[in-house]
Amino acid sequence: MSLRILVCTLLTLFYFSAASAQEPSAYEPEPSAEVQEPSAKSPVTNTVYLQGGAYMHFNYSDEHTDYPFFVGAEVQRSDNWIYGLGLFNNSFDQFSQYLYGGYKFKFKNRFKNFNAKLTAGIIHGYVDEYQDKIPVNSENGYGLGIVPSVGWKKDKLGFDVILLGNSGLLFTIGYDVYKF
């Protein structure tokens, strides 16, 4: 994939995400039946969500690490925008980072605990002979990534399954540790 196509895709994604943040979303929960005073504001609740997990590959290779791990911190805003940092050892046992922003799509009714996330950001850590293992990467190990996921979250506890391109799946468990 060329860099131009990736940049256009990212710009389109962020444009439509920003536009949908200004209009009511079909994925948002329905407003409460309670009537609120016009001066009453609903409290804004942003959370810090810590998560950990491990990944698996779709295809086995002797080059892959035997000890995959992932830890991350994510700010989940009340307007469904998310920002985070993930730390992991990549498939080739190189310490790597993913700094990202994205959007969390919440579903309604009987699927209200389910969500889908789409994030985009900077990946660092795929270097030397493994720098070609991600599509857009520089010689010093900085690349771009787009990461989709599906998840389930109730109260403070959540689980996610994250697609890692055509390489594998990351399984995480997370917990809201701080509200502001």
Protein backbone atom coordinates (compact mmCIF):
# COMPACT_ATOMS: atom_id res chain seq x y z
CA MET A 1 0.00 0.00 0.00
CA SER A 2 1.38 3.37 -0.90
CA LEU A 3 1.86 6.13 1.64
CA ARG A 4 -0.47 8.42 -0.35
CA ILE A 5 -3.37 5.94 -0.10
CA LEU A 6 -2.78 5.48 3.64
CA VAL A 7 -2.68 9.25 4.30
CA CYS A 8 -5.89 9.80 2.28
CA THR A 9 -7.59 6.98 4.19
CA LEU A 10 -6.53 8.44 7.54
CA LEU A 11 -7.71 11.94 6.60
CA THR A 12 -11.06 10.59 5.40
CA LEU A 13 -11.47 8.55 8.60
CA PHE A 14 -10.75 11.54 10.84
CA TYR A 15 -12.99 13.84 8.76
CA PHE A 16 -16.01 11.54 9.05
CA SER A 17 -15.28 10.78 12.70
CA ALA A 18 -15.18 14.50 13.52
CA ALA A 19 -18.40 15.09 11.59
CA SER A 20 -20.16 12.24 13.40
CA ALA A 21 -19.01 13.60 16.78
CA GLN A 22 -20.97 16.80 16.08
CA GLU A 23 -24.21 15.04 15.14
CA PRO A 24 -26.15 12.45 17.16
CA SER A 25 -24.91 8.99 16.28
CA ALA A 26 -27.03 5.94 15.54
CA TYR A 27 -24.75 4.04 17.92
CA GLU A 28 -25.36 6.34 20.90
CA PRO A 29 -27.67 5.21 23.68
CA GLU A 30 -31.15 6.70 23.61
CA PRO A 31 -31.74 9.64 25.93
CA SER A 32 -33.29 8.90 29.29
CA ALA A 33 -37.05 9.29 29.64
CA GLU A 34 -36.47 11.55 32.64
CA VAL A 35 -37.01 15.25 32.05
CA GLN A 36 -34.04 17.36 33.11
CA GLU A 37 -34.04 21.01 33.99
CA PRO A 38 -32.68 23.10 31.07
CA SER A 39 -29.90 24.39 33.34
CA ALA A 40 -28.92 20.90 34.55
CA LYS A 41 -25.92 19.42 32.81
CA SER A 42 -25.20 15.73 32.73
CA PRO A 43 -21.81 14.98 34.24
CA VAL A 44 -18.95 14.42 31.85
CA THR A 45 -17.22 11.17 32.63
CA ASN A 46 -13.88 10.47 31.05
CA THR A 47 -12.02 7.36 32.18
CA VAL A 48 -8.50 5.98 32.22
CA TYR A 49 -8.69 2.36 31.08
CA LEU A 50 -5.73 0.04 31.76
CA GLN A 51 -5.47 -3.16 29.77
CA GLY A 52 -3.22 -6.14 29.33
CA GLY A 53 -3.18 -9.17 27.11
CA ALA A 54 -1.43 -11.45 24.68
CA TYR A 55 -1.61 -12.05 20.97
CA MET A 56 -1.61 -15.05 18.67
CA HIS A 57 -0.48 -15.38 15.07
CA PHE A 58 -2.55 -16.72 12.22
CA ASN A 59 0.53 -18.58 10.88
CA TYR A 60 3.34 -20.15 12.89
CA SER A 61 6.95 -19.12 12.30
CA ASP A 62 10.17 -20.02 14.13
CA GLU A 63 10.99 -16.28 14.13
CA HIS A 64 7.98 -15.43 16.34
CA THR A 65 8.44 -14.88 20.05
CA ASP A 66 7.19 -17.46 22.52
CA TYR A 67 6.18 -14.80 25.05
CA PRO A 68 3.83 -12.26 23.49
CA PHE A 69 2.63 -9.50 25.81
CA PHE A 70 0.75 -6.22 25.64
CA VAL A 71 0.00 -3.53 28.24
CA GLY A 72 -1.75 -0.27 27.56
CA ALA A 73 -3.39 2.83 28.97
CA GLU A 74 -6.28 4.48 27.19
CA VAL A 75 -8.27 7.64 27.88
CA GLN A 76 -11.89 7.03 26.96
CA ARG A 77 -13.72 10.33 26.67
CA SER A 78 -17.45 10.78 27.19
CA ASP A 79 -17.79 11.84 23.52
CA ASN A 80 -16.42 8.38 22.48
CA TRP A 81 -13.01 9.62 21.33
CA ILE A 82 -10.14 7.53 22.66
CA TYR A 83 -6.40 8.16 23.01
CA GLY A 84 -3.81 5.73 24.22
CA LEU A 85 -0.40 4.16 24.39
CA GLY A 86 0.25 0.45 24.00
CA LEU A 87 3.55 -1.20 24.93
CA PHE A 88 4.33 -4.67 23.63
CA ASN A 89 7.00 -6.99 22.40
CA ASN A 90 6.39 -7.43 18.71
CA SER A 91 6.36 -10.78 16.94
CA PHE A 92 10.15 -10.71 16.73
CA ASP A 93 10.71 -9.94 20.44
CA GLN A 94 11.52 -6.26 19.87
CA PHE A 95 10.11 -3.78 22.41
CA SER A 96 7.51 -1.70 20.53
CA GLN A 97 5.02 1.10 21.14
CA TYR A 98 1.73 2.23 19.59
CA LEU A 99 0.63 5.83 20.25
CA TYR A 100 -2.89 6.31 18.90
CA GLY A 101 -6.18 8.12 18.74
CA GLY A 102 -9.50 6.80 17.57
CA TYR A 103 -13.21 6.43 18.06
CA LYS A 104 -15.31 3.99 20.05
CA PHE A 105 -18.65 3.07 18.44
CA LYS A 106 -21.21 2.06 21.07
CA PHE A 107 -24.21 -0.05 20.17
CA LYS A 108 -27.77 0.20 21.52
CA ASN A 109 -30.47 -1.93 23.06
CA ARG A 110 -29.57 -5.55 23.75
CA PHE A 111 -26.06 -5.01 22.36
CA LYS A 112 -25.41 -2.00 24.63
CA ASN A 113 -22.34 -3.58 26.26
CA PHE A 114 -20.69 -4.24 22.88
CA ASN A 115 -18.54 -1.76 21.00
CA ALA A 116 -16.22 -1.42 18.05
CA LYS A 117 -13.10 0.73 18.01
CA LEU A 118 -11.05 2.09 15.16
CA THR A 119 -7.69 3.62 16.00
CA ALA A 120 -4.85 5.08 13.98
CA GLY A 121 -1.42 6.09 15.15
CA ILE A 122 2.33 5.74 15.17
CA ILE A 123 4.01 2.38 15.72
CA HIS A 124 7.66 2.24 16.75
CA GLY A 125 9.89 -0.77 17.21
CA TYR A 126 9.99 -2.81 14.00
CA VAL A 127 13.65 -2.33 13.11
CA ASP A 128 16.60 -3.94 11.32
CA GLU A 129 15.66 -7.03 9.33
CA TYR A 130 12.02 -6.78 10.54
CA GLN A 131 11.29 -3.21 9.41
CA ASP A 132 9.37 -4.54 6.39
CA LYS A 133 6.94 -6.52 8.55
CA ILE A 134 4.54 -3.56 8.78
CA PRO A 135 3.34 -1.90 5.56
CA VAL A 136 4.36 1.73 6.28
CA ASN A 137 7.63 1.91 8.21
CA SER A 138 10.81 3.98 8.15
CA GLU A 139 14.38 2.77 8.55
CA ASN A 140 14.46 4.01 12.14
CA GLY A 141 11.37 1.94 13.05
CA TYR A 142 8.58 4.56 12.97
CA GLY A 143 5.50 3.51 11.06
CA LEU A 144 1.78 4.07 10.74
CA GLY A 145 -0.94 1.73 11.85
CA ILE A 146 -4.71 1.41 11.65
CA VAL A 147 -6.15 -1.02 14.18
CA PRO A 148 -9.81 -2.17 14.37
CA SER A 149 -11.28 -4.05 17.32
CA VAL A 150 -14.50 -5.32 18.84
CA GLY A 151 -15.17 -5.47 22.53
CA TRP A 152 -17.51 -5.91 25.44
CA LYS A 153 -17.56 -3.66 28.50
CA LYS A 154 -19.83 -3.58 31.51
CA ASP A 155 -19.33 -1.12 34.33
CA LYS A 156 -15.53 -0.93 34.71
CA LEU A 157 -14.48 -4.30 33.22
CA GLY A 158 -13.90 -4.88 29.50
CA PHE A 159 -12.60 -7.42 27.00
CA ASP A 160 -11.38 -6.70 23.46
CA VAL A 161 -10.35 -8.70 20.41
CA ILE A 162 -8.04 -6.62 18.24
CA LEU A 163 -7.14 -7.40 14.62
CA LEU A 164 -3.41 -7.06 13.93
CA GLY A 165 -3.49 -6.72 10.16
CA ASN A 166 -3.08 -10.07 8.47
CA SER A 167 -0.76 -11.31 11.24
CA GLY A 168 -2.93 -12.21 14.19
CA LEU A 169 -5.29 -11.29 17.00
CA LEU A 170 -4.65 -9.54 20.31
CA PHE A 171 -6.87 -10.51 23.27
CA THR A 172 -7.07 -7.99 26.12
CA ILE A 173 -8.78 -7.52 29.44
CA GLY A 174 -9.14 -4.01 30.83
CA TYR A 175 -10.40 -2.06 33.79
CA ASP A 176 -11.38 1.58 34.38
CA VAL A 177 -9.02 2.80 37.08
CA TYR A 178 -9.80 6.52 37.19
CA LYS A 179 -12.70 8.81 36.29
CA PHE A 180 -12.41 12.54 35.68
